[in-house]
Amino acid sequence: MLVASAAAMVLTGTSAVATAATPHTDGPAASVHTAGRVKAAGDMLRYSWPGVYFEGRIRGTGVGVVLDDPAADYDVQVDGATVATLVTPGRTTHWVNGLRDGVHTVRLVKRNDTPWSTSAFGGFVAAPGGAVLARPAARGRQIEFVGDSLTAGYGNLSTSRDCDGEQLKRTTDADVSYGALTARRLRADYQLNAYSGLGMVRNYNGGSPDVTYRTFYDRALLNVPGDVWQNPGTWRPGLVVVHLGTNDFSTPVGPGEPWTDESLAAAYRSAYSGFLHKLRTRYGPGTTLVAVGAGPFAGHVKQVVEERAGAGDRRVRYWPLDDTGLDHTGCHWHYSASDHRLLADRLTAFLHDLPIRW
């Protein structure tokens, strides 16, 4: 892994330094492609969810990446290859210089989940003598992934299950999560709307009982109470994959919690059904909804899907997650990078036979 703060980095044929620069004069939204939940704020695009990516095109020998983010890590990719990993870059323009003089594609992707902070991107800028070109076209397919830390890629690059907070941040990479991998295999744009530790009705170990995943789902900026993402009309996913339930059931109900095992299961099924109804209302009858079942919540998810299908929902499917061969060697027994690849293989194969309306 190549790690660069905003200070400096040297690679074969490329170099990067932090300097001041002015973003594209028409603002970043005019010159970059993104499918993520972003909000325009002057010369910056603001966002919170993991895996948000921005794609652009430049002509010249260098490209600058304008950022204001004290919390998240990023990968910078040029012509399909990762040339820098930026660790909590702060307010800066990170330069990649020494490129062959010509047209290059550039991609910036947010690696980890930082829901307590708002990230900001100010666009790509070209080195002197170069130019920012028209943004790449959107892909014809769109997939939305809804989940928790397992979907966010929590600690998936770790070489040990034992991680402290800093190790967790540095070894989380949403860009190699099963969702991102599946989307790339299907040549689809995607959103990873994943929030670690939260469940459908109960969070990990009963924590933060006043909120759940559903509290935050509608937001673009997760740390702004009441924030609502306004779909620009371009986000119309043909597929939504929901993988929520691990935090609801992975720890026993504690003595101070307002649940019994039976009431928790009933509340989970009711909320899950309501969430699928919300997705169906939002995206319409043509979108395929895939509900993931695993471990202790698999039967509940299957029941909800069967009930919806029985009531006439023709595009809801149940995917029983096969964990055969998974090593769970990511931080705190989460999926490893190898696990994410296996799951992407299995999910892609499952989706191949579905009548998805792309």
Protein backbone atom coordinates (compact mmCIF):
# COMPACT_ATOMS: atom_id res chain seq x y z
CA MET A 1 0.00 0.00 0.00
CA LEU A 2 1.30 3.44 -0.95
CA VAL A 3 0.50 5.93 1.77
CA ALA A 4 0.81 9.69 1.32
CA SER A 5 -0.38 12.46 3.55
CA ALA A 6 -0.96 15.79 1.87
CA ALA A 7 2.75 16.46 2.32
CA ALA A 8 4.64 14.54 -0.37
CA MET A 9 4.94 11.29 -2.28
CA VAL A 10 7.28 10.06 -4.99
CA LEU A 11 6.50 7.19 -7.36
CA THR A 12 8.15 5.90 -10.49
CA GLY A 13 7.14 8.38 -13.16
CA THR A 14 4.84 10.38 -10.85
CA SER A 15 5.14 12.74 -7.95
CA ALA A 16 2.70 14.43 -5.63
CA VAL A 17 2.93 17.50 -3.44
CA ALA A 18 0.45 19.64 -1.58
CA THR A 19 0.04 23.18 -2.87
CA ALA A 20 -2.72 25.72 -3.22
CA ALA A 21 -4.79 25.59 -6.41
CA THR A 22 -8.04 26.80 -7.83
CA PRO A 23 -10.65 24.18 -8.79
CA HIS A 24 -12.44 24.12 -12.12
CA THR A 25 -14.12 27.51 -12.58
CA ASP A 26 -17.55 26.00 -13.22
CA GLY A 27 -17.46 24.13 -9.92
CA PRO A 28 -16.74 20.43 -9.36
CA ALA A 29 -20.23 19.23 -10.23
CA ALA A 30 -19.75 20.40 -13.81
CA SER A 31 -16.55 18.45 -14.41
CA VAL A 32 -16.82 15.25 -12.35
CA HIS A 33 -19.06 12.23 -12.41
CA THR A 34 -20.35 10.82 -9.13
CA ALA A 35 -23.22 8.57 -8.16
CA GLY A 36 -22.83 9.26 -4.45
CA ARG A 37 -25.04 11.27 -2.15
CA VAL A 38 -23.43 14.69 -2.42
CA LYS A 39 -24.59 18.22 -1.70
CA ALA A 40 -23.23 21.28 -3.49
CA ALA A 41 -21.90 24.02 -1.21
CA GLY A 42 -20.22 26.80 -3.18
CA ASP A 43 -17.03 25.46 -4.73
CA MET A 44 -17.22 22.17 -2.85
CA LEU A 45 -19.29 18.99 -2.88
CA ARG A 46 -20.06 17.73 0.63
CA TYR A 47 -20.80 14.11 1.59
CA SER A 48 -20.54 11.54 4.39
CA TRP A 49 -21.17 7.95 3.25
CA PRO A 50 -18.26 5.55 2.65
CA GLY A 51 -17.19 4.64 -0.86
CA VAL A 52 -18.29 7.93 -2.45
CA TYR A 53 -16.24 8.35 -5.61
CA PHE A 54 -15.56 11.10 -8.14
CA GLU A 55 -14.36 10.55 -11.69
CA GLY A 56 -12.91 13.06 -14.14
CA ARG A 57 -10.74 13.54 -17.19
CA ILE A 58 -7.78 15.84 -17.64
CA ARG A 59 -5.30 16.64 -20.40
CA GLY A 60 -1.71 17.32 -19.43
CA THR A 61 1.12 16.10 -17.25
CA GLY A 62 -0.46 16.47 -13.82
CA VAL A 63 -3.69 16.58 -11.86
CA GLY A 64 -4.57 18.17 -8.55
CA VAL A 65 -7.21 16.83 -6.16
CA VAL A 66 -8.90 19.52 -4.08
CA LEU A 67 -10.04 18.25 -0.66
CA ASP A 68 -11.16 19.46 2.73
CA ASP A 69 -11.40 16.42 4.99
CA PRO A 70 -9.80 15.99 8.42
CA ALA A 71 -11.24 12.53 9.06
CA ALA A 72 -11.43 10.21 6.04
CA ASP A 73 -8.84 8.42 3.89
CA TYR A 74 -8.84 8.35 0.10
CA ASP A 75 -7.36 6.52 -2.86
CA VAL A 76 -6.34 8.52 -5.92
CA GLN A 77 -6.41 6.50 -9.13
CA VAL A 78 -5.05 7.60 -12.51
CA ASP A 79 -5.80 5.58 -15.63
CA GLY A 80 -7.09 2.73 -13.46
CA ALA A 81 -4.08 2.44 -11.14
CA THR A 82 -3.90 3.66 -7.55
CA VAL A 83 -1.12 6.24 -7.33
CA ALA A 84 -1.70 7.58 -3.81
CA THR A 85 -3.50 6.86 -0.58
CA LEU A 86 -4.27 10.07 1.31
CA VAL A 87 -4.60 9.74 5.09
CA THR A 88 -6.86 12.40 6.63
CA PRO A 89 -5.64 14.96 4.09
CA GLY A 90 -7.29 18.02 5.62
CA ARG A 91 -7.67 21.16 3.51
CA THR A 92 -5.29 20.78 0.57
CA THR A 93 -4.74 20.19 -3.09
CA HIS A 94 -2.87 16.95 -3.63
CA TRP A 95 -0.91 16.86 -6.88
CA VAL A 96 0.03 13.91 -9.03
CA ASN A 97 2.67 15.12 -11.50
CA GLY A 98 4.99 13.54 -14.01
CA LEU A 99 2.23 11.98 -16.09
CA ARG A 100 2.63 11.32 -19.79
CA ASP A 101 1.41 14.39 -21.68
CA GLY A 102 -2.05 13.44 -22.90
CA VAL A 103 -5.54 12.59 -21.74
CA HIS A 104 -5.93 10.80 -18.41
CA THR A 105 -8.82 9.52 -16.33
CA VAL A 106 -8.70 10.26 -12.60
CA ARG A 107 -10.78 8.78 -9.82
CA LEU A 108 -10.98 9.73 -6.14
CA VAL A 109 -12.68 7.34 -3.71
CA LYS A 110 -13.42 7.71 0.01
CA ARG A 111 -12.13 4.56 1.70
CA ASN A 112 -13.71 4.55 5.14
CA ASP A 113 -16.86 5.47 7.03
CA THR A 114 -16.64 8.69 9.04
CA PRO A 115 -20.25 9.47 9.97
CA TRP A 116 -19.24 11.98 12.65
CA SER A 117 -17.63 14.25 10.05
CA THR A 118 -18.54 15.94 6.77
CA SER A 119 -16.16 15.49 3.85
CA ALA A 120 -15.71 18.02 1.04
CA PHE A 121 -14.28 17.73 -2.49
CA GLY A 122 -13.47 20.72 -4.67
CA GLY A 123 -12.85 19.00 -7.98
CA PHE A 124 -9.85 18.10 -10.11
CA VAL A 125 -7.48 20.71 -11.51
CA ALA A 126 -4.97 20.37 -14.32
CA ALA A 127 -1.28 21.20 -14.10
CA PRO A 128 -0.10 24.33 -15.96
CA GLY A 129 -0.55 23.91 -19.71
CA GLY A 130 -3.23 21.27 -19.25
CA ALA A 131 -7.01 21.34 -19.01
CA VAL A 132 -9.91 19.74 -17.22
CA LEU A 133 -12.04 17.94 -19.81
CA ALA A 134 -15.72 17.03 -19.92
CA ARG A 135 -16.71 14.61 -17.19
CA PRO A 136 -17.00 10.88 -17.97
CA ALA A 137 -20.43 9.59 -18.88
CA ALA A 138 -22.53 7.89 -16.22
CA ARG A 139 -22.78 4.13 -16.46
CA GLY A 140 -26.01 2.62 -17.69
CA ARG A 141 -26.51 0.48 -14.58
CA GLN A 142 -26.97 1.61 -10.97
CA ILE A 143 -26.87 -0.41 -7.74
CA GLU A 144 -27.54 0.78 -4.21
CA PHE A 145 -26.07 -1.19 -1.30
CA VAL A 146 -27.63 -0.71 2.14
CA GLY A 147 -25.82 -2.12 5.15
CA ASP A 148 -23.57 -1.84 8.16
CA SER A 149 -19.85 -2.37 8.77
CA LEU A 150 -19.83 -5.58 6.72
CA THR A 151 -20.94 -3.57 3.69
CA ALA A 152 -18.61 -0.65 4.46
CA GLY A 153 -15.51 -2.86 4.28
CA TYR A 154 -14.70 -2.46 7.99
CA GLY A 155 -11.06 -3.45 8.60
CA ASN A 156 -10.98 -5.59 5.48
CA LEU A 157 -7.27 -4.98 4.77
CA SER A 158 -6.14 -5.82 8.29
CA THR A 159 -3.71 -8.67 8.84
CA SER A 160 -5.08 -9.21 12.35
CA ARG A 161 -8.49 -9.44 13.98
CA ASP A 162 -7.16 -7.33 16.85
CA CYS A 163 -7.27 -3.67 15.83
CA ASP A 164 -7.18 -0.41 17.69
CA GLY A 165 -9.02 2.65 16.40
CA GLU A 166 -6.17 3.90 14.22
CA GLN A 167 -5.56 0.49 12.68
CA LEU A 168 -9.25 0.17 11.91
CA LYS A 169 -9.32 3.50 10.08
CA ARG A 170 -6.25 2.72 8.00
CA THR A 171 -7.32 -0.81 7.05
CA THR A 172 -10.92 -0.06 6.03
CA ASP A 173 -11.32 0.19 2.27
CA ALA A 174 -14.84 0.46 0.89
CA ASP A 175 -13.45 0.33 -2.64
CA VAL A 176 -12.66 -3.37 -2.26
CA SER A 177 -15.88 -4.26 -0.43
CA TYR A 178 -18.21 -6.85 -1.92
CA GLY A 179 -20.58 -4.11 -3.08
CA ALA A 180 -17.95 -2.10 -4.95
CA LEU A 181 -16.50 -5.26 -6.48
CA THR A 182 -19.92 -6.53 -7.56
CA ALA A 183 -20.81 -3.19 -9.13
CA ARG A 184 -17.57 -3.03 -11.10
CA ARG A 185 -18.08 -6.57 -12.38
CA LEU A 186 -21.53 -5.54 -13.58
CA ARG A 187 -20.22 -2.22 -14.98
CA ALA A 188 -22.58 -0.28 -12.73
CA ASP A 189 -22.45 2.97 -10.81
CA TYR A 190 -23.16 2.44 -7.13
CA GLN A 191 -23.81 3.86 -3.69
CA LEU A 192 -22.54 2.22 -0.48
CA ASN A 193 -25.00 3.54 2.08
CA ALA A 194 -23.43 1.68 4.99
CA TYR A 195 -23.16 2.72 8.64
CA SER A 196 -21.08 0.62 11.04
CA GLY A 197 -22.66 -0.60 14.24
CA LEU A 198 -26.28 0.17 13.39
CA GLY A 199 -29.16 -2.21 12.88
CA MET A 200 -32.71 -2.16 11.62
CA VAL A 201 -34.19 -1.74 15.13
CA ARG A 202 -31.28 -2.47 17.51
CA ASN A 203 -27.64 -1.47 17.31
CA TYR A 204 -24.59 -3.48 18.27
CA ASN A 205 -24.79 -4.56 21.92
CA GLY A 206 -27.84 -2.35 22.39
CA GLY A 207 -25.85 0.88 21.97
CA SER A 208 -27.33 4.29 21.06
CA PRO A 209 -30.92 3.11 21.52
CA ASP A 210 -32.40 6.42 20.35
CA VAL A 211 -31.25 5.87 16.76
CA THR A 212 -31.02 3.04 14.22
CA TYR A 213 -29.84 2.74 10.64
CA ARG A 214 -33.23 4.00 9.51
CA THR A 215 -32.59 7.28 11.35
CA PHE A 216 -29.78 8.10 8.92
CA TYR A 217 -30.79 6.43 5.67
CA ASP A 218 -32.33 9.53 4.06
CA ARG A 219 -29.35 11.78 4.79
CA ALA A 220 -26.47 12.95 2.66
CA LEU A 221 -24.64 14.45 5.65
CA LEU A 222 -24.80 11.91 8.44
CA ASN A 223 -23.74 14.26 11.25
CA VAL A 224 -26.38 16.88 10.40
CA PRO A 225 -29.67 16.08 12.19
CA GLY A 226 -32.63 16.32 9.88
CA ASP A 227 -30.53 16.47 6.73
CA VAL A 228 -32.22 14.95 3.68
CA TRP A 229 -30.48 14.06 0.44
CA GLN A 230 -32.28 15.47 -2.58
CA ASN A 231 -32.05 12.99 -5.42
CA PRO A 232 -31.11 15.04 -8.50
CA GLY A 233 -33.26 12.73 -10.57
CA THR A 234 -30.32 10.83 -11.97
CA TRP A 235 -30.26 8.16 -9.26
CA ARG A 236 -32.65 5.42 -10.41
CA PRO A 237 -31.13 2.11 -9.32
CA GLY A 238 -32.26 -1.00 -11.07
CA LEU A 239 -31.11 -2.97 -8.02
CA VAL A 240 -31.01 -2.34 -4.25
CA VAL A 241 -29.23 -4.84 -2.00
CA VAL A 242 -30.11 -4.69 1.72
CA HIS A 243 -27.77 -6.39 4.21
CA LEU A 244 -28.97 -5.35 7.69
CA GLY A 245 -29.49 -7.49 10.76
CA THR A 246 -26.07 -8.47 12.06
CA ASN A 247 -26.07 -5.73 14.71
CA ASP A 248 -29.66 -6.45 15.69
CA PHE A 249 -28.92 -10.06 16.63
CA SER A 250 -25.16 -10.62 17.04
CA THR A 251 -25.15 -9.78 20.76
CA PRO A 252 -27.59 -11.01 23.42
CA VAL A 253 -30.28 -8.65 24.66
CA GLY A 254 -29.01 -6.95 27.81
CA PRO A 255 -30.96 -6.54 31.06
CA GLY A 256 -31.52 -2.83 30.52
CA GLU A 257 -32.88 -3.14 26.99
CA PRO A 258 -36.61 -2.96 26.18
CA TRP A 259 -36.58 -6.26 24.29
CA THR A 260 -37.22 -9.91 24.70
CA ASP A 261 -35.91 -12.23 22.01
CA GLU A 262 -39.45 -12.56 20.68
CA SER A 263 -40.29 -8.85 20.66
CA LEU A 264 -36.97 -8.02 19.01
CA ALA A 265 -37.61 -10.52 16.22
CA ALA A 266 -41.13 -9.19 15.67
CA ALA A 267 -39.97 -5.57 15.64
CA TYR A 268 -37.17 -6.44 13.22
CA ARG A 269 -39.52 -8.14 10.76
CA SER A 270 -41.98 -5.25 10.93
CA ALA A 271 -39.27 -2.61 10.40
CA TYR A 272 -37.65 -4.63 7.63
CA SER A 273 -40.96 -4.93 5.80
CA GLY A 274 -41.53 -1.20 6.21
CA PHE A 275 -38.06 -0.42 4.90
CA LEU A 276 -38.60 -2.55 1.80
CA HIS A 277 -41.92 -0.77 1.28
CA LYS A 278 -40.10 2.55 1.51
CA LEU A 279 -37.61 1.46 -1.14
CA ARG A 280 -40.39 0.19 -3.37
CA THR A 281 -42.28 3.47 -3.06
CA ARG A 282 -39.16 5.51 -3.71
CA TYR A 283 -37.82 3.60 -6.72
CA GLY A 284 -40.96 2.12 -8.22
CA PRO A 285 -42.07 -1.35 -9.30
CA GLY A 286 -39.24 -1.85 -11.80
CA THR A 287 -36.41 -1.89 -9.23
CA THR A 288 -35.29 -5.29 -7.98
CA LEU A 289 -34.89 -5.48 -4.19
CA VAL A 290 -32.52 -8.15 -2.87
CA ALA A 291 -32.74 -8.86 0.87
CA VAL A 292 -29.69 -10.61 2.32
CA GLY A 293 -30.16 -13.22 5.01
CA ALA A 294 -27.35 -14.55 7.19
CA GLY A 295 -26.89 -16.15 10.58
CA PRO A 296 -29.58 -15.58 13.22
CA PHE A 297 -31.60 -13.13 11.11
CA ALA A 298 -31.77 -15.19 7.91
CA GLY A 299 -35.14 -16.73 8.72
CA HIS A 300 -36.68 -13.37 9.56
CA VAL A 301 -35.54 -11.84 6.27
CA LYS A 302 -36.81 -14.82 4.31
CA GLN A 303 -40.22 -14.52 6.01
CA VAL A 304 -40.47 -10.82 5.15
CA VAL A 305 -39.57 -11.47 1.52
CA GLU A 306 -42.08 -14.30 1.23
CA GLU A 307 -44.81 -12.13 2.70
CA ARG A 308 -44.08 -9.28 0.29
CA ALA A 309 -43.88 -11.61 -2.68
CA GLY A 310 -47.15 -13.21 -1.62
CA ALA A 311 -48.75 -9.77 -1.51
CA GLY A 312 -47.79 -9.15 -5.12
CA ASP A 313 -44.31 -7.61 -5.07
CA ARG A 314 -42.83 -9.28 -8.16
CA ARG A 315 -39.31 -7.88 -7.84
CA VAL A 316 -38.24 -8.73 -4.33
CA ARG A 317 -35.77 -11.57 -3.81
CA TYR A 318 -34.13 -13.32 -0.89
CA TRP A 319 -30.40 -14.07 -1.05
CA PRO A 320 -29.17 -16.52 1.60
CA LEU A 321 -25.58 -15.45 2.13
CA ASP A 322 -23.29 -18.47 1.87
CA ASP A 323 -20.43 -17.98 4.33
CA THR A 324 -18.63 -21.19 3.36
CA GLY A 325 -14.91 -20.53 3.10
CA LEU A 326 -14.98 -17.07 4.67
CA ASP A 327 -12.10 -16.51 7.09
CA HIS A 328 -13.41 -13.39 8.90
CA THR A 329 -9.85 -12.18 9.48
CA GLY A 330 -10.69 -8.48 9.12
CA CYS A 331 -10.71 -6.27 12.19
CA HIS A 332 -12.90 -7.69 14.98
CA TRP A 333 -13.90 -10.75 12.94
CA HIS A 334 -15.23 -8.81 9.98
CA TYR A 335 -14.92 -9.88 6.36
CA SER A 336 -11.38 -9.87 5.01
CA ALA A 337 -10.53 -8.63 1.52
CA SER A 338 -10.55 -12.27 0.42
CA ASP A 339 -14.01 -12.71 1.94
CA HIS A 340 -15.30 -9.68 0.05
CA ARG A 341 -14.02 -11.15 -3.21
CA LEU A 342 -15.76 -14.45 -2.50
CA LEU A 343 -19.02 -12.70 -1.64
CA ALA A 344 -18.79 -10.58 -4.78
CA ASP A 345 -18.36 -13.78 -6.80
CA ARG A 346 -21.43 -15.33 -5.19
CA LEU A 347 -23.59 -12.22 -5.35
CA THR A 348 -22.69 -11.58 -8.99
CA ALA A 349 -23.62 -15.16 -9.87
CA PHE A 350 -26.94 -14.81 -8.02
CA LEU A 351 -27.77 -11.54 -9.77
CA HIS A 352 -26.90 -12.97 -13.18
CA ASP A 353 -30.11 -14.99 -13.28
CA LEU A 354 -32.44 -12.22 -12.05
CA PRO A 355 -34.63 -10.29 -14.50
CA ILE A 356 -33.19 -6.92 -13.46
CA ARG A 357 -34.37 -3.94 -15.43
CA TRP A 358 -31.21 -1.99 -15.95
